[in-house]
C-alpha cells in the first residue's frame, strides 16, 4: 500500500497512532459511527466494527485508514478505559495506527452515545 508514516527526526515514536500519514489512491470518508452498549468499551468495539463494515462497502480494509477522529463525552472515561480500548482496537482494526485525534465534546447527537468515531481511508489505486 502506498502509505508513508510521517515520523519527524528526533521525535519520540508515538504509541497507538502516527503523527501523520501520506497516501495515494481512492479517498473513502466514513461518517462518525457510534456503538450500542451501556459502557464505553462496548460502544468503542461496536463503533469500530461499524467503521469496518462501511469501509468494506468501498472494498477498503482497516489498514487503508489514514486518519481517525474520536469524539468522547468524558475525557476521564476515555483515559480510564485506555487499556481495554487498546485491546478492542487491536481486535477490530489490528496493529495499524493511522493519524488520530481524540476530542472531548459536551455531548453527541445520540443521547446514549459515549463515543463517536469517524475515519478517512485511502484505497490504493492498484487494490
C-alpha atoms as a PDB file:
ATOM      1  CA  UNK A   1       0.000   0.000   0.000  1.00  0.00           C
ATOM      2  CA  UNK A   2       1.397   3.420  -0.955  1.00  0.00           C
ATOM      3  CA  UNK A   3       1.326   4.911   2.562  1.00  0.00           C
ATOM      4  CA  UNK A   4       4.144   6.681   4.337  1.00  0.00           C
ATOM      5  CA  UNK A   5       4.034   7.222   8.084  1.00  0.00           C
ATOM      6  CA  UNK A   6       5.412  10.659   8.895  1.00  0.00           C
ATOM      7  CA  UNK A   7       7.936  10.488  11.741  1.00  0.00           C
ATOM      8  CA  UNK A   8       9.945  13.712  12.196  1.00  0.00           C
ATOM      9  CA  UNK A   9      13.602  13.122  13.023  1.00  0.00           C
ATOM     10  CA  UNK A  10      14.319  13.393  16.721  1.00  0.00           C
ATOM     11  CA  UNK A  11      10.679  12.998  17.796  1.00  0.00           C
ATOM     12  CA  UNK A  12       9.738  10.137  20.084  1.00  0.00           C
ATOM     13  CA  UNK A  13       7.720   7.445  18.270  1.00  0.00           C
ATOM     14  CA  UNK A  14       4.067   7.739  19.358  1.00  0.00           C
ATOM     15  CA  UNK A  15       2.209   4.789  20.864  1.00  0.00           C
ATOM     16  CA  UNK A  16      -1.033   3.783  19.178  1.00  0.00           C
ATOM     17  CA  UNK A  17      -1.098   6.401  16.413  1.00  0.00           C
ATOM     18  CA  UNK A  18       1.054   8.122  13.789  1.00  0.00           C
ATOM     19  CA  UNK A  19       1.968  11.807  13.687  1.00  0.00           C
ATOM     20  CA  UNK A  20       0.916  11.887  10.056  1.00  0.00           C
ATOM     21  CA  UNK A  21       0.244   9.726   7.019  1.00  0.00           C
ATOM     22  CA  UNK A  22       0.834  10.394   3.325  1.00  0.00           C
ATOM     23  CA  UNK A  23      -1.127   8.202   0.884  1.00  0.00           C
ATOM     24  CA  UNK A  24      -2.210   7.904  -2.750  1.00  0.00           C
ATOM     25  CA  UNK A  25      -5.412   6.328  -4.040  1.00  0.00           C
ATOM     26  CA  UNK A  26      -9.207   6.488  -3.803  1.00  0.00           C
ATOM     27  CA  UNK A  27     -10.456   8.507  -0.831  1.00  0.00           C
ATOM     28  CA  UNK A  28     -13.112   6.907   1.397  1.00  0.00           C
ATOM     29  CA  UNK A  29     -14.733   9.031   4.117  1.00  0.00           C
ATOM     30  CA  UNK A  30     -16.723   7.325   6.864  1.00  0.00           C
ATOM     31  CA  UNK A  31     -19.174   9.364   8.905  1.00  0.00           C
ATOM     32  CA  UNK A  32     -18.974   9.297  12.667  1.00  0.00           C
ATOM     33  CA  UNK A  33     -20.045   5.874  13.917  1.00  0.00           C
ATOM     34  CA  UNK A  34     -21.498   5.230  17.347  1.00  0.00           C
ATOM     35  CA  UNK A  35     -21.982   1.900  19.015  1.00  0.00           C
ATOM     36  CA  UNK A  36     -24.566   0.101  21.057  1.00  0.00           C
ATOM     37  CA  UNK A  37     -23.911  -0.919  24.630  1.00  0.00           C
ATOM     38  CA  UNK A  38     -24.084   0.635  28.042  1.00  0.00           C
ATOM     39  CA  UNK A  39     -20.364   1.096  28.663  1.00  0.00           C
ATOM     40  CA  UNK A  40     -17.600   2.968  26.860  1.00  0.00           C
ATOM     41  CA  UNK A  41     -15.573  -0.067  25.740  1.00  0.00           C
ATOM     42  CA  UNK A  42     -18.549  -1.931  24.250  1.00  0.00           C
ATOM     43  CA  UNK A  43     -19.532   1.226  22.371  1.00  0.00           C
ATOM     44  CA  UNK A  44     -15.970   1.542  21.024  1.00  0.00           C
ATOM     45  CA  UNK A  45     -15.993  -2.099  19.841  1.00  0.00           C
ATOM     46  CA  UNK A  46     -19.338  -1.685  18.076  1.00  0.00           C
ATOM     47  CA  UNK A  47     -18.410   1.688  16.536  1.00  0.00           C
ATOM     48  CA  UNK A  48     -15.144   0.248  15.160  1.00  0.00           C
ATOM     49  CA  UNK A  49     -16.981  -2.766  13.752  1.00  0.00           C
ATOM     50  CA  UNK A  50     -19.401  -0.402  12.027  1.00  0.00           C
ATOM     51  CA  UNK A  51     -16.473   1.550  10.574  1.00  0.00           C
ATOM     52  CA  UNK A  52     -15.050  -1.689   9.163  1.00  0.00           C
ATOM     53  CA  UNK A  53     -18.424  -2.621   7.631  1.00  0.00           C
ATOM     54  CA  UNK A  54     -18.733   0.759   5.909  1.00  0.00           C
ATOM     55  CA  UNK A  55     -15.154   0.505   4.637  1.00  0.00           C
ATOM     56  CA  UNK A  56     -15.966  -2.920   3.169  1.00  0.00           C
ATOM     57  CA  UNK A  57     -18.672  -1.283   1.035  1.00  0.00           C
ATOM     58  CA  UNK A  58     -15.845   0.569  -0.734  1.00  0.00           C
ATOM     59  CA  UNK A  59     -13.602  -2.513  -0.910  1.00  0.00           C
ATOM     60  CA  UNK A  60     -11.479  -0.901   1.795  1.00  0.00           C
ATOM     61  CA  UNK A  61      -9.921  -2.551   4.819  1.00  0.00           C
ATOM     62  CA  UNK A  62      -8.783  -1.260   8.222  1.00  0.00           C
ATOM     63  CA  UNK A  63      -5.199  -0.944   7.008  1.00  0.00           C
ATOM     64  CA  UNK A  64      -6.409   1.655   4.480  1.00  0.00           C
ATOM     65  CA  UNK A  65      -7.397   4.046   7.286  1.00  0.00           C
ATOM     66  CA  UNK A  66      -5.158   7.123   7.226  1.00  0.00           C
ATOM     67  CA  UNK A  67      -6.982   9.328   9.746  1.00  0.00           C
ATOM     68  CA  UNK A  68      -9.262   8.623  12.679  1.00  0.00           C
ATOM     69  CA  UNK A  69     -11.072  11.090  14.941  1.00  0.00           C
ATOM     70  CA  UNK A  70     -12.651  10.081  18.254  1.00  0.00           C
ATOM     71  CA  UNK A  71     -15.255  12.307  19.891  1.00  0.00           C
ATOM     72  CA  UNK A  72     -15.727  11.406  23.552  1.00  0.00           C
ATOM     73  CA  UNK A  73     -18.121  12.869  26.094  1.00  0.00           C
ATOM     74  CA  UNK A  74     -15.870  12.203  29.095  1.00  0.00           C
ATOM     75  CA  UNK A  75     -12.087  12.545  28.901  1.00  0.00           C
ATOM     76  CA  UNK A  76     -11.615  10.734  32.225  1.00  0.00           C
ATOM     77  CA  UNK A  77     -13.693   7.800  30.958  1.00  0.00           C
ATOM     78  CA  UNK A  78     -11.628   7.672  27.757  1.00  0.00           C
ATOM     79  CA  UNK A  79      -8.315   7.761  29.628  1.00  0.00           C
ATOM     80  CA  UNK A  80      -9.527   5.290  32.262  1.00  0.00           C
ATOM     81  CA  UNK A  81     -10.517   2.777  29.603  1.00  0.00           C
ATOM     82  CA  UNK A  82      -7.318   3.116  27.563  1.00  0.00           C
ATOM     83  CA  UNK A  83      -6.039  -0.436  28.181  1.00  0.00           C
ATOM     84  CA  UNK A  84      -9.370  -2.098  27.354  1.00  0.00           C
ATOM     85  CA  UNK A  85      -9.909   0.293  24.436  1.00  0.00           C
ATOM     86  CA  UNK A  86      -6.472  -0.581  23.041  1.00  0.00           C
ATOM     87  CA  UNK A  87      -7.311  -4.282  23.269  1.00  0.00           C
ATOM     88  CA  UNK A  88     -10.609  -3.736  21.427  1.00  0.00           C
ATOM     89  CA  UNK A  89      -8.903  -1.542  18.824  1.00  0.00           C
ATOM     90  CA  UNK A  90      -6.345  -4.279  18.028  1.00  0.00           C
ATOM     91  CA  UNK A  91      -9.141  -6.898  17.978  1.00  0.00           C
ATOM     92  CA  UNK A  92     -11.135  -4.987  15.333  1.00  0.00           C
ATOM     93  CA  UNK A  93      -8.602  -2.830  13.451  1.00  0.00           C
ATOM     94  CA  UNK A  94      -5.394  -4.753  14.070  1.00  0.00           C
ATOM     95  CA  UNK A  95      -1.974  -3.236  14.615  1.00  0.00           C
ATOM     96  CA  UNK A  96      -2.500  -0.404  12.140  1.00  0.00           C
ATOM     97  CA  UNK A  97      -2.129   3.028  13.711  1.00  0.00           C
ATOM     98  CA  UNK A  98      -3.110   5.973  11.485  1.00  0.00           C
ATOM     99  CA  UNK A  99      -3.026   9.647  12.379  1.00  0.00           C
ATOM    100  CA  UNK A 100      -5.508  10.049  15.254  1.00  0.00           C
ATOM    101  CA  UNK A 101      -7.193  12.802  17.191  1.00  0.00           C
ATOM    102  CA  UNK A 102      -9.365  12.499  20.281  1.00  0.00           C
ATOM    103  CA  UNK A 103     -11.617  15.385  21.281  1.00  0.00           C
ATOM    104  CA  UNK A 104     -13.779  15.766  24.374  1.00  0.00           C
ATOM    105  CA  UNK A 105     -17.186  17.178  23.459  1.00  0.00           C
ATOM    106  CA  UNK A 106     -20.060  18.348  25.637  1.00  0.00           C
ATOM    107  CA  UNK A 107     -22.414  15.858  24.027  1.00  0.00           C
ATOM    108  CA  UNK A 108     -23.243  13.791  20.958  1.00  0.00           C
ATOM    109  CA  UNK A 109     -26.463  13.829  18.955  1.00  0.00           C
ATOM    110  CA  UNK A 110     -27.471  10.356  20.156  1.00  0.00           C
ATOM    111  CA  UNK A 111     -28.121  10.783  23.886  1.00  0.00           C
ATOM    112  CA  UNK A 112     -26.791   7.335  24.895  1.00  0.00           C
ATOM    113  CA  UNK A 113     -23.535   7.674  22.911  1.00  0.00           C
ATOM    114  CA  UNK A 114     -20.278   7.932  24.880  1.00  0.00           C
ATOM    115  CA  UNK A 115     -18.012   7.920  21.796  1.00  0.00           C
ATOM    116  CA  UNK A 116     -18.272   8.623  18.067  1.00  0.00           C
ATOM    117  CA  UNK A 117     -15.520   7.604  15.646  1.00  0.00           C
ATOM    118  CA  UNK A 118     -15.016   8.868  12.094  1.00  0.00           C
ATOM    119  CA  UNK A 119     -12.327   7.814   9.649  1.00  0.00           C
ATOM    120  CA  UNK A 120     -10.739   8.689   6.368  1.00  0.00           C
ATOM    121  CA  UNK A 121      -9.239   5.869   4.331  1.00  0.00           C
ATOM    122  CA  UNK A 122      -7.262   5.749   1.101  1.00  0.00           C
ATOM    123  CA  UNK A 123      -7.608   2.644  -1.043  1.00  0.00           C
ATOM    124  CA  UNK A 124      -4.519   2.189  -3.244  1.00  0.00           C
ATOM    125  CA  UNK A 125      -5.087   2.567  -6.971  1.00  0.00           C
ATOM    126  CA  UNK A 126      -3.764  -0.948  -7.543  1.00  0.00           C
ATOM    127  CA  UNK A 127      -6.083  -2.558  -4.977  1.00  0.00           C
END
